[in-house]
């Protein structure tokens, strides 16, 4: 059972594991690192810097349960991807109409994030490339499953999911959907992603923008701290 200092620490450890697991993936070989914003961006920045790979975003939004917004009953991703978390939908007894309303809300939030990040979210073309999808963790795995589907829809040659921490259930589902899974720890019982970090401060849009700009200049992955 691991507890990370913060997302930077998790990213550095994840980069080491990726080097060991995927030794052929280096700069210039068609590998792209895509982060799930916002929490996945500091983790992915460390991974991209270590691999010498370009850093971008794959924007995904959770479809939260009406009474528990943090409980993922599905997720949406760029390109019209919708993932359903059927066990959660059944457990809360949600109607199809209610799921459709919640999905529409998530899609509106997704569109707003796409407008906010705009061209900074690149690289846009991932066809034929190996895509490493990075987040700070996965409790249900719904958002990362949507990201995997979105990357495959955009014709990625290979999709690798890279996570510092995940529940056993989420890791099993992602290992089935992705071409490869690199996950540092799958503690049980899982609780929430933030439980496995000493510092799990919220990542703001300004920090995301700084990290993307810094990566584009080829600078250090260490982000500026918010006040």
Protein backbone atom coordinates (compact mmCIF):
# COMPACT_ATOMS: atom_id res chain seq x y z
CA UNK A 1 0.00 0.00 0.00
CA UNK A 2 1.57 3.27 -1.15
CA UNK A 3 0.82 6.82 -0.13
CA UNK A 4 2.25 9.48 -2.42
CA UNK A 5 3.58 12.82 -1.20
CA UNK A 6 1.71 14.68 -3.93
CA UNK A 7 0.92 14.37 -7.64
CA UNK A 8 4.49 15.31 -8.63
CA UNK A 9 5.84 12.45 -6.52
CA UNK A 10 3.27 10.07 -8.03
CA UNK A 11 4.24 11.17 -11.55
CA UNK A 12 7.93 10.60 -10.95
CA UNK A 13 7.30 7.12 -9.57
CA UNK A 14 4.95 6.34 -12.43
CA UNK A 15 7.57 7.46 -14.96
CA UNK A 16 10.07 4.98 -13.50
CA UNK A 17 7.54 2.16 -13.81
CA UNK A 18 6.75 3.13 -17.40
CA UNK A 19 10.46 3.14 -18.29
CA UNK A 20 10.72 -0.39 -16.92
CA UNK A 21 7.50 -1.67 -18.46
CA UNK A 22 7.74 0.09 -21.82
CA UNK A 23 11.47 0.53 -22.43
CA UNK A 24 11.02 1.23 -26.14
CA UNK A 25 8.86 4.30 -25.67
CA UNK A 26 11.06 7.38 -25.90
CA UNK A 27 11.01 10.75 -27.59
CA UNK A 28 10.49 10.65 -31.33
CA UNK A 29 8.93 7.19 -31.49
CA UNK A 30 5.33 8.34 -31.87
CA UNK A 31 4.46 8.22 -28.18
CA UNK A 32 2.09 10.88 -26.78
CA UNK A 33 1.15 11.47 -23.13
CA UNK A 34 -2.42 12.65 -22.58
CA UNK A 35 -3.60 13.74 -19.15
CA UNK A 36 -7.14 13.67 -17.79
CA UNK A 37 -7.63 17.18 -16.40
CA UNK A 38 -7.36 18.49 -13.99
CA UNK A 39 -5.82 16.18 -11.39
CA UNK A 40 -4.02 14.04 -13.93
CA UNK A 41 -2.04 16.91 -15.44
CA UNK A 42 0.70 17.29 -12.77
CA UNK A 43 1.18 13.50 -12.81
CA UNK A 44 1.32 13.38 -16.60
CA UNK A 45 3.72 16.34 -16.78
CA UNK A 46 6.31 14.33 -14.88
CA UNK A 47 5.72 11.29 -17.12
CA UNK A 48 5.98 13.30 -20.33
CA UNK A 49 9.19 15.01 -19.19
CA UNK A 50 10.78 11.68 -18.26
CA UNK A 51 9.83 10.06 -21.58
CA UNK A 52 10.63 13.13 -23.66
CA UNK A 53 7.12 12.89 -25.11
CA UNK A 54 4.63 15.65 -25.96
CA UNK A 55 2.00 16.40 -23.33
CA UNK A 56 -1.65 17.06 -24.08
CA UNK A 57 -5.12 16.64 -22.63
CA UNK A 58 -7.93 14.20 -23.19
CA UNK A 59 -10.92 15.93 -21.67
CA UNK A 60 -13.37 13.70 -19.81
CA UNK A 61 -16.23 14.54 -17.48
CA UNK A 62 -17.81 12.32 -14.88
CA UNK A 63 -21.57 11.68 -15.04
CA UNK A 64 -22.34 12.06 -11.35
CA UNK A 65 -25.25 10.50 -9.52
CA UNK A 66 -28.00 13.08 -8.73
CA UNK A 67 -27.75 12.61 -4.97
CA UNK A 68 -23.98 11.95 -4.92
CA UNK A 69 -22.20 14.02 -7.60
CA UNK A 70 -18.83 12.42 -6.80
CA UNK A 71 -20.20 8.93 -7.49
CA UNK A 72 -19.56 8.12 -11.14
CA UNK A 73 -22.47 6.43 -12.85
CA UNK A 74 -20.73 7.03 -16.16
CA UNK A 75 -18.49 9.44 -18.04
CA UNK A 76 -18.31 11.38 -21.29
CA UNK A 77 -15.26 12.22 -23.42
CA UNK A 78 -14.44 14.31 -26.45
CA UNK A 79 -15.81 12.90 -29.70
CA UNK A 80 -19.25 11.95 -28.37
CA UNK A 81 -18.05 9.05 -26.19
CA UNK A 82 -20.45 7.99 -23.40
CA UNK A 83 -19.57 5.27 -20.88
CA UNK A 84 -22.12 3.78 -18.49
CA UNK A 85 -21.29 2.37 -15.05
CA UNK A 86 -24.11 -0.16 -14.96
CA UNK A 87 -23.59 -1.47 -11.39
CA UNK A 88 -23.92 2.07 -10.01
CA UNK A 89 -26.93 2.88 -12.20
CA UNK A 90 -28.69 -0.27 -11.00
CA UNK A 91 -27.72 0.26 -7.36
CA UNK A 92 -29.23 3.75 -7.20
CA UNK A 93 -32.28 2.76 -9.29
CA UNK A 94 -31.79 5.53 -11.83
CA UNK A 95 -34.20 5.85 -14.73
CA UNK A 96 -33.00 6.20 -18.33
CA UNK A 97 -34.45 9.70 -18.46
CA UNK A 98 -32.52 10.74 -15.36
CA UNK A 99 -29.31 9.26 -16.76
CA UNK A 100 -29.87 11.14 -20.03
CA UNK A 101 -30.30 14.42 -18.13
CA UNK A 102 -27.14 13.85 -16.12
CA UNK A 103 -25.25 12.91 -19.29
CA UNK A 104 -26.40 16.07 -21.05
CA UNK A 105 -25.14 18.15 -18.10
CA UNK A 106 -21.74 16.40 -18.22
CA UNK A 107 -21.53 16.96 -21.99
CA UNK A 108 -22.20 20.69 -21.48
CA UNK A 109 -19.40 20.81 -18.89
CA UNK A 110 -17.13 18.93 -21.32
CA UNK A 111 -17.83 21.45 -24.09
CA UNK A 112 -17.05 24.32 -21.72
CA UNK A 113 -13.69 22.75 -20.82
CA UNK A 114 -12.89 22.21 -24.50
CA UNK A 115 -13.53 25.91 -25.14
CA UNK A 116 -11.46 26.89 -22.10
CA UNK A 117 -8.38 24.88 -23.00
CA UNK A 118 -8.73 25.27 -26.77
CA UNK A 119 -5.56 24.70 -28.78
CA UNK A 120 -3.56 24.27 -25.57
CA UNK A 121 -5.10 20.81 -25.24
CA UNK A 122 -3.11 19.39 -28.21
CA UNK A 123 -1.64 17.33 -29.75
CA UNK A 124 -4.78 16.88 -31.82
CA UNK A 125 -3.54 14.08 -34.10
CA UNK A 126 -2.92 10.80 -32.27
CA UNK A 127 -3.75 8.46 -35.17
CA UNK A 128 -1.21 5.69 -35.44
CA UNK A 129 0.56 6.68 -32.22
CA UNK A 130 1.02 5.07 -28.83
CA UNK A 131 -1.04 7.08 -26.35
CA UNK A 132 -0.27 6.96 -22.63
CA UNK A 133 -3.34 8.10 -20.69
CA UNK A 134 -2.56 9.43 -17.21
CA UNK A 135 -4.71 10.36 -14.23
CA UNK A 136 -4.00 10.73 -10.52
CA UNK A 137 -6.04 7.63 -9.69
CA UNK A 138 -9.17 5.63 -10.46
CA UNK A 139 -11.84 4.65 -7.97
CA UNK A 140 -14.53 3.37 -10.36
CA UNK A 141 -12.51 3.74 -13.57
CA UNK A 142 -15.44 5.30 -15.46
CA UNK A 143 -13.62 8.44 -16.59
CA UNK A 144 -10.54 6.54 -17.70
CA UNK A 145 -12.67 4.01 -19.57
CA UNK A 146 -14.19 6.93 -21.48
CA UNK A 147 -10.71 8.25 -22.22
CA UNK A 148 -9.62 4.85 -23.56
CA UNK A 149 -12.67 4.72 -25.82
CA UNK A 150 -12.02 8.27 -27.05
CA UNK A 151 -8.36 7.52 -27.85
CA UNK A 152 -9.32 4.39 -29.78
CA UNK A 153 -12.01 6.32 -31.64
CA UNK A 154 -9.27 8.74 -32.74
CA UNK A 155 -7.32 5.76 -34.18
CA UNK A 156 -4.52 5.52 -31.63
CA UNK A 157 -2.32 2.55 -32.51
CA UNK A 158 -1.91 1.53 -28.86
CA UNK A 159 -3.52 2.83 -25.67
CA UNK A 160 -1.65 2.50 -22.37
CA UNK A 161 -3.34 3.50 -19.11
CA UNK A 162 -0.92 4.78 -16.47
CA UNK A 163 -2.11 5.34 -12.90
CA UNK A 164 -0.39 5.79 -9.53
CA UNK A 165 -3.32 4.15 -7.72
CA UNK A 166 -6.62 2.42 -8.52
CA UNK A 167 -9.15 0.13 -6.95
CA UNK A 168 -8.82 -3.53 -7.88
CA UNK A 169 -12.17 -3.36 -9.69
CA UNK A 170 -11.17 -0.32 -11.73
CA UNK A 171 -7.76 -1.76 -12.58
CA UNK A 172 -9.33 -5.02 -13.78
CA UNK A 173 -11.79 -3.18 -16.03
CA UNK A 174 -9.09 -0.92 -17.47
CA UNK A 175 -6.71 -3.81 -18.09
CA UNK A 176 -9.42 -5.36 -20.23
CA UNK A 177 -10.21 -2.21 -22.21
CA UNK A 178 -6.71 -0.80 -22.77
CA UNK A 179 -3.80 -2.39 -24.59
CA UNK A 180 -1.70 -2.15 -21.44
CA UNK A 181 -2.08 -0.98 -17.85
CA UNK A 182 0.67 0.36 -15.59
CA UNK A 183 -0.67 0.91 -12.07
CA UNK A 184 1.61 1.30 -9.07
CA UNK A 185 -0.84 0.20 -6.39
CA UNK A 186 -4.30 -1.32 -6.02
CA UNK A 187 -5.02 -1.14 -2.27
CA UNK A 188 -8.22 -2.55 -0.83
CA UNK A 189 -10.46 -1.34 0.62
CA UNK A 190 -9.96 1.58 -1.72
CA UNK A 191 -11.83 4.56 -0.21
CA UNK A 192 -11.19 7.61 -2.47
CA UNK A 193 -8.26 8.60 -4.70
CA UNK A 194 -7.25 11.46 -2.38
CA UNK A 195 -6.82 9.05 0.54
CA UNK A 196 -3.60 7.78 -1.06
CA UNK A 197 -1.97 11.23 -1.21
CA UNK A 198 -0.60 13.30 1.67
CA UNK A 199 -1.17 16.45 -0.38
CA UNK A 200 -4.21 16.24 -2.67
CA UNK A 201 -4.83 19.94 -3.19
CA UNK A 202 -7.19 20.88 -5.99
CA UNK A 203 -5.54 21.56 -9.35
CA UNK A 204 -6.78 24.79 -10.93
CA UNK A 205 -7.20 25.64 -14.60
CA UNK A 206 -4.35 28.15 -14.31
CA UNK A 207 -2.00 25.41 -13.16
CA UNK A 208 -3.10 23.19 -16.04
CA UNK A 209 -2.32 26.01 -18.48
CA UNK A 210 1.11 26.60 -16.91
CA UNK A 211 2.04 22.93 -17.11
CA UNK A 212 0.98 22.65 -20.74
CA UNK A 213 2.88 25.81 -21.66
CA UNK A 214 5.96 24.66 -19.79
CA UNK A 215 5.86 21.23 -21.46
CA UNK A 216 5.52 22.91 -24.85
CA UNK A 217 8.74 24.83 -24.17
CA UNK A 218 10.48 21.64 -23.11
CA UNK A 219 10.90 22.90 -19.56
CA UNK A 220 10.88 21.15 -16.22
CA UNK A 221 7.69 19.37 -15.26
CA UNK A 222 7.60 20.86 -11.78
CA UNK A 223 4.52 23.12 -11.61
CA UNK A 224 4.23 26.48 -9.94
CA UNK A 225 2.37 26.14 -6.64
CA UNK A 226 -0.90 27.94 -6.15
CA UNK A 227 -1.10 30.33 -3.24
